Every structure is written in C-alpha cells, then in structure tokens.
Amino acid sequence: MDALTREQELEGGRDPNGLSFFDSHPTTPDRARDAREYAAKLEVASADRIAIDRTAFVQRLDGLALGESVRAGLFLDGRFLHPELGFGISFPDDWEHENSPSAVVAQPEDGSAVLAVQLAGKGDDPTAFADQFETKVPFLERSAVEKINQLPAVIGIAQVVDDGEEINLFLTWIAKDGLVYRVLGAAPTSRWNEHHPNFEAAARSFHALSDRELRELHVNRLRLVKAHAGETLTAIAARSSSQWSAEKMAVANDLSTSAPLPDGETIKISKREPY
C-alpha cells in the first residue's frame, strides 16, 4: 500500500476511496466512554480463599523446606552429593566451591585452577561426547572406554591457548542413568603438575550415591507445634529441638520470646529431618 500524500494527510487521513483512519478507530473520548460503560457491567468474581483463618493458613505451610535446597545437591565434608540425580563426587578439602544451576565449581584460594562438574547431555555412551569435543579441540591423550566406580567413562587431556597462555584441560565424561556428566579440570601448563592429581582424583571419585550417603542428607522443614498454657517460645524451642532460636521463632511467629501463650496456640518451628 502506497503512503499517503502530504495533501491527503492534511485532509484528515482520507484516502482516494473516501475511507478514513477514524472510520475503524474511534476517537479518544469515544474509546474512554466505551471503556467506562463496559467496566460498569463487570462483576467481581468470587474466588476460593487460601484459608479461612490464620490457623488454617499456617497448616498449609507445614513441611515447607527451609534454607539451602538439598534437592539441588549440597556440599558435605568436601563431597558434593546430589540426591535427585543420585551421584556424588569429592573435591579437594581446602578448595572453595559453589553449586550453581549449570555446574558445580571448585577452585583453590589463589585461583590457579578450576574444577567443574556439569551435565553434558542425555545418553549412555561417553565416547560420543568425547568425539564431539575432539572435533573442536584435539586430544593430547585419550583413553578408551573404562569403568569409574562401575560407570562407563572416557578420559582425555587437551590443551588450549587463552589470551596467550597455554591451559591444560583434564576432561572426563561419565555415563549414569541415561545422562552423561563431564568433569573438567583446567590449569595453566605451568601449574599442571601441581593440579593434575587433584583433577584425576576428583573425576575418579564420581560414583552413584549409596544408601549410607543418602542417610547423611538432612533438610530443615517448617513444622508446627501446639503451645501448652502459659508456655513461652523459649520453652517451646527447648522441648521441640527447633533449629531456630527462640528469637528467630519470635520473628517467624510475630510473638515475643517471653510472652505466655494460650493453650493450643499453633507455633512455627524449624525441624531437622532426613531428606
């Protein structure tokens, strides 16, 4: 469609066929009037309430996980354990570590190396992932498929140049339960001999979680207790083994730590439980 000429614009936007923009688009006052009339006909729809009173509302919070999510994995004594994916791996004890949505990462305090565990993709063959990597970066060394704690794995060593510095890579692909994980260790060539043993030890520690390790995992959950007549939050904290102090319980319940409570008052506490 051709653009309107300047003359047509001055004539109010009317085209040669006699049609105007305003034939299909009401003026602002008209639109405002129509909106008011439409709004006046609307009725507020009824909606189910979350709870009929405070007690019923608090009951809905029972079992809520508090603090760090165990579901996403956690560090325990230098080990990283992931209960949902069912694997564990050990990192050097004195290294700093972080669990992010995309990878578990650890590094020494001086930042001279990095060790990461991440999901490479779906599959049961670690060789396919090693082959794909090799199309981009050639290996200096590469193993055939071997077993790491009964799991099929492929290990390779490669080298890249980053900002003029040679970086050695220790790569391990491990298959477990239809998924392939990659354990990556990286360090400057000048520090390779120092960190290579840490990389290999971490990769070879990758394993399926045992029942004993699963029993080590705990989570703090919000639980509810009933107060006895005249009892205080300080007393409830002591008898319920709450992970919260009386002061934290006071904040969570909007109460004073020393105020006597009526019999049957519902109190929120934090309870440490097996995952």
C-alpha atoms as a PDB file:
ATOM      1  CA  MET A   1       0.000   0.000   0.000  1.00  0.00           C
ATOM      2  CA  ASP A   2       1.404   3.360  -1.014  1.00  0.00           C
ATOM      3  CA  ALA A   3       1.990   6.031   1.624  1.00  0.00           C
ATOM      4  CA  LEU A   4      -0.477   8.881   1.894  1.00  0.00           C
ATOM      5  CA  THR A   5       0.498  12.044   0.153  1.00  0.00           C
ATOM      6  CA  ARG A   6       1.033  15.223   2.152  1.00  0.00           C
ATOM      7  CA  GLU A   7      -2.231  16.579   0.750  1.00  0.00           C
ATOM      8  CA  GLN A   8      -4.157  13.501   1.928  1.00  0.00           C
ATOM      9  CA  GLU A   9      -2.674  13.846   5.405  1.00  0.00           C
ATOM     10  CA  LEU A  10      -3.829  17.455   5.590  1.00  0.00           C
ATOM     11  CA  GLU A  11      -7.306  16.343   4.563  1.00  0.00           C
ATOM     12  CA  GLY A  12      -7.596  14.201   7.720  1.00  0.00           C
ATOM     13  CA  GLY A  13      -6.052  10.982   6.518  1.00  0.00           C
ATOM     14  CA  ARG A  14      -8.705  10.198   3.924  1.00  0.00           C
ATOM     15  CA  ASP A  15      -7.617   8.013   1.009  1.00  0.00           C
ATOM     16  CA  PRO A  16      -8.856   8.221  -2.608  1.00  0.00           C
ATOM     17  CA  ASN A  17     -11.602   5.697  -1.826  1.00  0.00           C
ATOM     18  CA  GLY A  18     -13.080   8.010   0.819  1.00  0.00           C
ATOM     19  CA  LEU A  19     -12.048   5.881   3.809  1.00  0.00           C
ATOM     20  CA  SER A  20     -10.547   7.465   6.911  1.00  0.00           C
ATOM     21  CA  PHE A  21      -8.375   6.103   9.730  1.00  0.00           C
ATOM     22  CA  PHE A  22     -11.131   7.189  12.112  1.00  0.00           C
ATOM     23  CA  ASP A  23     -13.714   5.017  10.337  1.00  0.00           C
ATOM     24  CA  SER A  24     -12.312   1.976  12.149  1.00  0.00           C
ATOM     25  CA  HIS A  25     -10.533   3.677  15.098  1.00  0.00           C
ATOM     26  CA  PRO A  26     -12.790   5.695  17.425  1.00  0.00           C
ATOM     27  CA  THR A  27     -11.576   8.954  18.861  1.00  0.00           C
ATOM     28  CA  THR A  28     -10.052   9.003  22.334  1.00  0.00           C
ATOM     29  CA  PRO A  29     -13.191  10.401  24.044  1.00  0.00           C
ATOM     30  CA  ASP A  30     -15.295   7.699  22.377  1.00  0.00           C
ATOM     31  CA  ARG A  31     -12.901   4.945  23.469  1.00  0.00           C
ATOM     32  CA  ALA A  32     -12.880   6.255  27.042  1.00  0.00           C
ATOM     33  CA  ARG A  33     -16.708   6.337  27.142  1.00  0.00           C
ATOM     34  CA  ASP A  34     -16.958   2.811  25.770  1.00  0.00           C
ATOM     35  CA  ALA A  35     -14.442   1.556  28.336  1.00  0.00           C
ATOM     36  CA  ARG A  36     -16.392   3.117  31.233  1.00  0.00           C
ATOM     37  CA  GLU A  37     -19.633   1.601  30.029  1.00  0.00           C
ATOM     38  CA  TYR A  38     -18.036  -1.835  29.664  1.00  0.00           C
ATOM     39  CA  ALA A  39     -16.377  -1.625  33.084  1.00  0.00           C
ATOM     40  CA  ALA A  40     -19.663  -0.712  34.728  1.00  0.00           C
ATOM     41  CA  LYS A  41     -21.117  -4.043  33.599  1.00  0.00           C
ATOM     42  CA  LEU A  42     -18.296  -6.140  35.075  1.00  0.00           C
ATOM     43  CA  GLU A  43     -18.854  -8.050  38.309  1.00  0.00           C
ATOM     44  CA  VAL A  44     -16.221  -9.190  40.787  1.00  0.00           C
ATOM     45  CA  ALA A  45     -15.936 -12.945  40.516  1.00  0.00           C
ATOM     46  CA  SER A  46     -15.816 -14.987  43.678  1.00  0.00           C
ATOM     47  CA  ALA A  47     -12.559 -16.823  44.410  1.00  0.00           C
ATOM     48  CA  ASP A  48     -11.665 -19.561  46.829  1.00  0.00           C
ATOM     49  CA  ARG A  49      -9.784 -18.278  49.828  1.00  0.00           C
ATOM     50  CA  ILE A  50      -6.371 -19.753  50.610  1.00  0.00           C
ATOM     51  CA  ALA A  51      -7.567 -20.434  54.138  1.00  0.00           C
ATOM     52  CA  ILE A  52     -10.497 -19.432  56.310  1.00  0.00           C
ATOM     53  CA  ASP A  53      -8.340 -18.181  59.189  1.00  0.00           C
ATOM     54  CA  ARG A  54      -4.723 -17.910  60.401  1.00  0.00           C
ATOM     55  CA  THR A  55      -4.662 -21.427  61.840  1.00  0.00           C
ATOM     56  CA  ALA A  56      -5.791 -22.965  58.554  1.00  0.00           C
ATOM     57  CA  PHE A  57      -3.280 -20.826  56.651  1.00  0.00           C
ATOM     58  CA  VAL A  58      -0.383 -21.872  58.867  1.00  0.00           C
ATOM     59  CA  GLN A  59      -1.348 -25.514  58.427  1.00  0.00           C
ATOM     60  CA  ARG A  60      -0.651 -25.136  54.703  1.00  0.00           C
ATOM     61  CA  LEU A  61       2.981 -24.249  55.498  1.00  0.00           C
ATOM     62  CA  ASP A  62       3.702 -27.490  57.331  1.00  0.00           C
ATOM     63  CA  GLY A  63       6.613 -29.318  55.691  1.00  0.00           C
ATOM     64  CA  LEU A  64       7.960 -26.317  53.774  1.00  0.00           C
ATOM     65  CA  ALA A  65      11.712 -26.717  53.141  1.00  0.00           C
ATOM     66  CA  LEU A  66      13.826 -24.013  54.759  1.00  0.00           C
ATOM     67  CA  GLY A  67      17.289 -22.735  53.871  1.00  0.00           C
ATOM     68  CA  GLU A  68      19.602 -24.368  51.358  1.00  0.00           C
ATOM     69  CA  SER A  69      17.880 -26.747  48.974  1.00  0.00           C
ATOM     70  CA  VAL A  70      19.113 -30.310  49.369  1.00  0.00           C
ATOM     71  CA  ARG A  71      17.151 -31.229  46.266  1.00  0.00           C
ATOM     72  CA  ALA A  72      19.694 -29.358  44.114  1.00  0.00           C
ATOM     73  CA  GLY A  73      22.638 -31.063  45.824  1.00  0.00           C
ATOM     74  CA  LEU A  74      24.910 -29.871  48.614  1.00  0.00           C
ATOM     75  CA  PHE A  75      28.470 -29.994  49.860  1.00  0.00           C
ATOM     76  CA  LEU A  76      29.223 -32.204  52.833  1.00  0.00           C
ATOM     77  CA  ASP A  77      32.781 -32.550  54.160  1.00  0.00           C
ATOM     78  CA  GLY A  78      34.412 -31.835  50.805  1.00  0.00           C
ATOM     79  CA  ARG A  79      31.954 -34.074  48.976  1.00  0.00           C
ATOM     80  CA  PHE A  80      29.175 -32.923  46.699  1.00  0.00           C
ATOM     81  CA  LEU A  81      26.099 -35.142  46.946  1.00  0.00           C
ATOM     82  CA  HIS A  82      23.104 -34.847  44.642  1.00  0.00           C
ATOM     83  CA  PRO A  83      20.169 -36.957  45.885  1.00  0.00           C
ATOM     84  CA  GLU A  84      17.871 -36.345  42.911  1.00  0.00           C
ATOM     85  CA  LEU A  85      20.449 -37.254  40.260  1.00  0.00           C
ATOM     86  CA  GLY A  86      21.946 -39.871  42.555  1.00  0.00           C
ATOM     87  CA  PHE A  87      25.656 -39.094  42.263  1.00  0.00           C
ATOM     88  CA  GLY A  88      28.486 -37.947  44.488  1.00  0.00           C
ATOM     89  CA  ILE A  89      31.954 -36.536  43.845  1.00  0.00           C
ATOM     90  CA  SER A  90      34.806 -35.412  46.087  1.00  0.00           C
ATOM     91  CA  PHE A  91      36.688 -32.123  45.786  1.00  0.00           C
ATOM     92  CA  PRO A  92      39.968 -31.058  47.417  1.00  0.00           C
ATOM     93  CA  ASP A  93      39.178 -30.208  51.045  1.00  0.00           C
ATOM     94  CA  ASP A  94      40.738 -26.750  51.054  1.00  0.00           C
ATOM     95  CA  TRP A  95      39.239 -25.567  47.766  1.00  0.00           C
ATOM     96  CA  GLU A  96      36.416 -23.045  47.602  1.00  0.00           C
ATOM     97  CA  HIS A  97      33.277 -24.343  45.922  1.00  0.00           C
ATOM     98  CA  GLU A  98      29.934 -23.224  44.565  1.00  0.00           C
ATOM     99  CA  ASN A  99      26.794 -25.007  43.412  1.00  0.00           C
ATOM    100  CA  SER A 100      25.090 -23.145  40.561  1.00  0.00           C
ATOM    101  CA  PRO A 101      22.180 -24.230  38.328  1.00  0.00           C
ATOM    102  CA  SER A 102      24.535 -25.024  35.441  1.00  0.00           C
ATOM    103  CA  ALA A 103      27.590 -26.526  37.173  1.00  0.00           C
ATOM    104  CA  VAL A 104      29.315 -27.389  40.434  1.00  0.00           C
ATOM    105  CA  VAL A 105      32.603 -25.490  40.539  1.00  0.00           C
ATOM    106  CA  ALA A 106      35.623 -25.574  42.863  1.00  0.00           C
ATOM    107  CA  GLN A 107      38.967 -23.787  42.834  1.00  0.00           C
ATOM    108  CA  PRO A 108      41.946 -23.193  45.108  1.00  0.00           C
ATOM    109  CA  GLU A 109      42.197 -19.925  47.019  1.00  0.00           C
ATOM    110  CA  ASP A 110      44.780 -18.499  44.604  1.00  0.00           C
ATOM    111  CA  GLY A 111      42.516 -19.198  41.602  1.00  0.00           C
ATOM    112  CA  SER A 112      45.254 -21.112  39.780  1.00  0.00           C
ATOM    113  CA  ALA A 113      42.885 -23.876  38.651  1.00  0.00           C
ATOM    114  CA  VAL A 114      39.228 -24.696  38.257  1.00  0.00           C
ATOM    115  CA  LEU A 115      37.351 -27.961  38.627  1.00  0.00           C
ATOM    116  CA  ALA A 116      33.775 -28.250  37.390  1.00  0.00           C
ATOM    117  CA  VAL A 117      31.081 -30.900  37.092  1.00  0.00           C
ATOM    118  CA  GLN A 118      28.182 -30.358  34.720  1.00  0.00           C
ATOM    119  CA  LEU A 119      25.619 -32.275  32.721  1.00  0.00           C
ATOM    120  CA  ALA A 120      26.896 -32.874  29.188  1.00  0.00           C
ATOM    121  CA  GLY A 121      23.638 -34.282  27.855  1.00  0.00           C
ATOM    122  CA  LYS A 122      21.439 -37.339  27.501  1.00  0.00           C
ATOM    123  CA  GLY A 123      22.923 -40.682  26.552  1.00  0.00           C
ATOM    124  CA  ASP A 124      24.701 -43.808  27.706  1.00  0.00           C
ATOM    125  CA  ASP A 125      27.883 -43.550  25.644  1.00  0.00           C
ATOM    126  CA  PRO A 126      30.598 -41.184  26.927  1.00  0.00           C
ATOM    127  CA  THR A 127      32.577 -41.838  23.746  1.00  0.00           C
ATOM    128  CA  ALA A 128      30.103 -39.838  21.667  1.00  0.00           C
ATOM    129  CA  PHE A 129      30.670 -36.755  23.797  1.00  0.00           C
ATOM    130  CA  ALA A 130      34.444 -37.148  23.716  1.00  0.00           C
ATOM    131  CA  ASP A 131      34.276 -37.498  19.923  1.00  0.00           C
ATOM    132  CA  GLN A 132      32.226 -34.327  19.660  1.00  0.00           C
ATOM    133  CA  PHE A 133      34.762 -32.424  21.780  1.00  0.00           C
ATOM    134  CA  GLU A 134      37.619 -33.706  19.656  1.00  0.00           C
ATOM    135  CA  THR A 135      36.107 -32.167  16.523  1.00  0.00           C
ATOM    136  CA  LYS A 136      36.886 -28.780  18.057  1.00  0.00           C
ATOM    137  CA  VAL A 137      39.964 -29.422  20.216  1.00  0.00           C
ATOM    138  CA  PRO A 138      42.371 -32.323  19.554  1.00  0.00           C
ATOM    139  CA  PHE A 139      43.347 -34.528  22.490  1.00  0.00           C
ATOM    140  CA  LEU A 140      46.937 -34.863  23.629  1.00  0.00           C
ATOM    141  CA  GLU A 141      45.896 -38.111  25.303  1.00  0.00           C
ATOM    142  CA  ARG A 142      42.662 -40.071  25.335  1.00  0.00           C
ATOM    143  CA  SER A 143      41.566 -43.315  26.945  1.00  0.00           C
ATOM    144  CA  ALA A 144      39.283 -45.988  25.621  1.00  0.00           C
ATOM    145  CA  VAL A 145      36.036 -46.574  27.499  1.00  0.00           C
ATOM    146  CA  GLU A 146      36.862 -47.619  31.044  1.00  0.00           C
ATOM    147  CA  LYS A 147      34.987 -48.004  34.313  1.00  0.00           C
ATOM    148  CA  ILE A 148      34.941 -45.432  37.105  1.00  0.00           C
ATOM    149  CA  ASN A 149      33.160 -46.941  40.083  1.00  0.00           C
ATOM    150  CA  GLN A 150      31.278 -49.276  37.722  1.00  0.00           C
ATOM    151  CA  LEU A 151      30.235 -46.395  35.451  1.00  0.00           C
ATOM    152  CA  PRO A 152      31.437 -46.166  31.806  1.00  0.00           C
ATOM    153  CA  ALA A 153      33.816 -43.269  31.304  1.00  0.00           C
ATOM    154  CA  VAL A 154      36.281 -41.711  28.863  1.00  0.00           C
ATOM    155  CA  ILE A 155      39.221 -39.558  29.988  1.00  0.00           C
ATOM    156  CA  GLY A 156      41.160 -37.132  27.830  1.00  0.00           C
ATOM    157  CA  ILE A 157      43.786 -34.411  28.148  1.00  0.00           C
ATOM    158  CA  ALA A 158      43.821 -31.416  25.821  1.00  0.00           C
ATOM    159  CA  GLN A 159      45.443 -28.021  25.553  1.00  0.00           C
ATOM    160  CA  VAL A 160      44.088 -24.621  24.542  1.00  0.00           C
ATOM    161  CA  VAL A 161      45.545 -21.115  24.425  1.00  0.00           C
ATOM    162  CA  ASP A 162      43.662 -18.419  26.292  1.00  0.00           C
ATOM    163  CA  ASP A 163      44.855 -14.825  25.971  1.00  0.00           C
ATOM    164  CA  GLY A 164      48.314 -16.031  25.038  1.00  0.00           C
ATOM    165  CA  GLU A 165      48.561 -18.519  27.931  1.00  0.00           C
ATOM    166  CA  GLU A 166      48.619 -22.296  27.482  1.00  0.00           C
ATOM    167  CA  ILE A 167      45.885 -24.018  29.505  1.00  0.00           C
ATOM    168  CA  ASN A 168      45.819 -27.767  30.032  1.00  0.00           C
ATOM    169  CA  LEU A 169      42.439 -29.487  30.309  1.00  0.00           C
ATOM    170  CA  PHE A 170      41.622 -32.740  32.085  1.00  0.00           C
ATOM    171  CA  LEU A 171      38.261 -33.997  30.799  1.00  0.00           C
ATOM    172  CA  THR A 172      36.208 -36.958  31.905  1.00  0.00           C
ATOM    173  CA  TRP A 173      32.820 -37.996  30.544  1.00  0.00           C
ATOM    174  CA  ILE A 174      30.859 -40.403  32.751  1.00  0.00           C
ATOM    175  CA  ALA A 175      27.535 -42.067  31.898  1.00  0.00           C
ATOM    176  CA  LYS A 176      24.922 -42.736  34.569  1.00  0.00           C
ATOM    177  CA  ASP A 177      21.193 -43.445  34.344  1.00  0.00           C
ATOM    178  CA  GLY A 178      20.762 -42.155  30.806  1.00  0.00           C
ATOM    179  CA  LEU A 179      22.775 -38.996  31.367  1.00  0.00           C
ATOM    180  CA  VAL A 180      26.407 -38.156  30.646  1.00  0.00           C
ATOM    181  CA  TYR A 181      28.318 -35.897  33.040  1.00  0.00           C
ATOM    182  CA  ARG A 182      31.520 -34.026  32.289  1.00  0.00           C
ATOM    183  CA  VAL A 183      34.193 -33.425  34.923  1.00  0.00           C
ATOM    184  CA  LEU A 184      36.534 -30.677  33.740  1.00  0.00           C
ATOM    185  CA  GLY A 185      39.801 -29.590  35.327  1.00  0.00           C
ATOM    186  CA  ALA A 186      41.733 -26.647  33.911  1.00  0.00           C
ATOM    187  CA  ALA A 187      45.070 -25.124  34.914  1.00  0.00           C
ATOM    188  CA  PRO A 188      47.911 -23.209  33.255  1.00  0.00           C
ATOM    189  CA  THR A 189      50.585 -25.501  31.840  1.00  0.00           C
ATOM    190  CA  SER A 190      52.987 -24.033  34.398  1.00  0.00           C
ATOM    191  CA  ARG A 191      50.795 -25.357  37.260  1.00  0.00           C
ATOM    192  CA  TRP A 192      49.679 -28.579  35.575  1.00  0.00           C
ATOM    193  CA  ASN A 193      51.868 -30.965  37.569  1.00  0.00           C
ATOM    194  CA  GLU A 194      50.535 -29.443  40.784  1.00  0.00           C
ATOM    195  CA  HIS A 195      46.830 -29.710  39.937  1.00  0.00           C
ATOM    196  CA  HIS A 196      46.638 -32.732  37.630  1.00  0.00           C
ATOM    197  CA  PRO A 197      46.438 -35.206  40.566  1.00  0.00           C
ATOM    198  CA  ASN A 198      43.530 -33.223  42.057  1.00  0.00           C
ATOM    199  CA  PHE A 199      41.649 -33.329  38.762  1.00  0.00           C
ATOM    200  CA  GLU A 200      42.119 -37.058  38.332  1.00  0.00           C
ATOM    201  CA  ALA A 201      41.230 -37.843  41.948  1.00  0.00           C
ATOM    202  CA  ALA A 202      38.009 -35.844  41.671  1.00  0.00           C
ATOM    203  CA  ALA A 203      36.987 -37.485  38.393  1.00  0.00           C
ATOM    204  CA  ARG A 204      37.683 -40.982  39.728  1.00  0.00           C
ATOM    205  CA  SER A 205      35.653 -40.248  42.860  1.00  0.00           C
ATOM    206  CA  PHE A 206      32.448 -39.809  40.818  1.00  0.00           C
ATOM    207  CA  HIS A 207      30.021 -42.518  41.925  1.00  0.00           C
ATOM    208  CA  ALA A 208      26.418 -43.492  42.446  1.00  0.00           C
ATOM    209  CA  LEU A 209      25.143 -42.439  45.857  1.00  0.00           C
ATOM    210  CA  SER A 210      24.988 -45.186  48.447  1.00  0.00           C
ATOM    211  CA  ASP A 211      22.182 -45.686  50.963  1.00  0.00           C
ATOM    212  CA  ARG A 212      24.608 -44.627  53.686  1.00  0.00           C
ATOM    213  CA  GLU A 213      25.260 -41.310  51.942  1.00  0.00           C
ATOM    214  CA  LEU A 214      21.555 -40.713  51.421  1.00  0.00           C
ATOM    215  CA  ARG A 215      21.041 -41.171  55.158  1.00  0.00           C
ATOM    216  CA  GLU A 216      23.596 -38.410  55.752  1.00  0.00           C
ATOM    217  CA  LEU A 217      21.415 -35.862  53.975  1.00  0.00           C
ATOM    218  CA  HIS A 218      19.078 -33.766  56.061  1.00  0.00           C
ATOM    219  CA  VAL A 219      16.773 -30.847  55.389  1.00  0.00           C
ATOM    220  CA  ASN A 220      15.259 -28.217  57.665  1.00  0.00           C
ATOM    221  CA  ARG A 221      11.483 -28.119  57.359  1.00  0.00           C
ATOM    222  CA  LEU A 222       8.884 -25.833  58.820  1.00  0.00           C
ATOM    223  CA  ARG A 223       6.843 -27.780  61.343  1.00  0.00           C
ATOM    224  CA  LEU A 224       4.002 -26.849  63.695  1.00  0.00           C
ATOM    225  CA  VAL A 225       3.703 -27.470  67.415  1.00  0.00           C
ATOM    226  CA  LYS A 226       0.957 -26.632  69.900  1.00  0.00           C
ATOM    227  CA  ALA A 227       1.808 -24.448  72.867  1.00  0.00           C
ATOM    228  CA  HIS A 228       0.920 -25.506  76.384  1.00  0.00           C
ATOM    229  CA  ALA A 229      -0.982 -22.998  78.512  1.00  0.00           C
ATOM    230  CA  GLY A 230       1.413 -20.309  79.758  1.00  0.00           C
ATOM    231  CA  GLU A 231       4.376 -21.701  77.796  1.00  0.00           C
ATOM    232  CA  THR A 232       6.862 -19.314  76.152  1.00  0.00           C
ATOM    233  CA  LEU A 233       8.685 -19.544  72.836  1.00  0.00           C
ATOM    234  CA  THR A 234      11.911 -20.103  74.747  1.00  0.00           C
ATOM    235  CA  ALA A 235      10.408 -23.189  76.352  1.00  0.00           C
ATOM    236  CA  ILE A 236       8.978 -24.437  73.057  1.00  0.00           C
ATOM    237  CA  ALA A 237      12.358 -24.038  71.332  1.00  0.00           C
ATOM    238  CA  ALA A 238      13.942 -26.221  74.008  1.00  0.00           C
ATOM    239  CA  ARG A 239      11.381 -29.030  74.053  1.00  0.00           C
ATOM    240  CA  SER A 240      10.855 -29.221  70.282  1.00  0.00           C
ATOM    241  CA  SER A 241      14.568 -29.236  69.330  1.00  0.00           C
ATOM    242  CA  SER A 242      13.850 -26.393  66.916  1.00  0.00           C
ATOM    243  CA  GLN A 243      16.714 -25.405  64.638  1.00  0.00           C
ATOM    244  CA  TRP A 244      15.531 -21.840  65.119  1.00  0.00           C
ATOM    245  CA  SER A 245      16.466 -19.998  68.258  1.00  0.00           C
ATOM    246  CA  ALA A 246      13.667 -18.509  70.345  1.00  0.00           C
ATOM    247  CA  GLU A 247      14.495 -15.142  68.788  1.00  0.00           C
ATOM    248  CA  LYS A 248      14.064 -16.488  65.237  1.00  0.00           C
ATOM    249  CA  MET A 249      10.862 -18.209  66.288  1.00  0.00           C
ATOM    250  CA  ALA A 250       9.613 -14.872  67.625  1.00  0.00           C
ATOM    251  CA  VAL A 251      10.188 -13.260  64.222  1.00  0.00           C
ATOM    252  CA  ALA A 252       8.576 -16.153  62.331  1.00  0.00           C
ATOM    253  CA  ASN A 253       5.529 -16.147  64.602  1.00  0.00           C
ATOM    254  CA  ASP A 254       5.302 -12.387  65.274  1.00  0.00           C
ATOM    255  CA  LEU A 255       5.458 -13.034  69.010  1.00  0.00           C
ATOM    256  CA  SER A 256       7.623 -12.192  71.989  1.00  0.00           C
ATOM    257  CA  THR A 257      10.067 -14.819  73.252  1.00  0.00           C
ATOM    258  CA  SER A 258       8.867 -14.435  76.857  1.00  0.00           C
ATOM    259  CA  ALA A 259       5.128 -13.824  76.439  1.00  0.00           C
ATOM    260  CA  PRO A 260       2.981 -16.642  77.890  1.00  0.00           C
ATOM    261  CA  LEU A 261       0.971 -18.382  75.196  1.00  0.00           C
ATOM    262  CA  PRO A 262      -2.588 -19.686  75.302  1.00  0.00           C
ATOM    263  CA  ASP A 263      -3.120 -23.430  75.300  1.00  0.00           C
ATOM    264  CA  GLY A 264      -3.176 -24.857  71.774  1.00  0.00           C
ATOM    265  CA  GLU A 265      -1.566 -21.849  70.035  1.00  0.00           C
ATOM    266  CA  THR A 266      -0.025 -23.023  66.752  1.00  0.00           C
ATOM    267  CA  ILE A 267       3.698 -22.210  66.638  1.00  0.00           C
ATOM    268  CA  LYS A 268       6.029 -22.482  63.648  1.00  0.00           C
ATOM    269  CA  ILE A 269       9.424 -24.095  64.277  1.00  0.00           C
ATOM    270  CA  SER A 270      12.292 -25.399  62.108  1.00  0.00           C
ATOM    271  CA  LYS A 271      12.908 -29.142  62.373  1.00  0.00           C
ATOM    272  CA  ARG A 272      15.944 -31.018  61.018  1.00  0.00           C
ATOM    273  CA  GLU A 273      14.780 -34.190  59.268  1.00  0.00           C
ATOM    274  CA  PRO A 274      16.200 -36.865  56.965  1.00  0.00           C
ATOM    275  CA  TYR A 275      15.896 -35.808  53.322  1.00  0.00           C
END
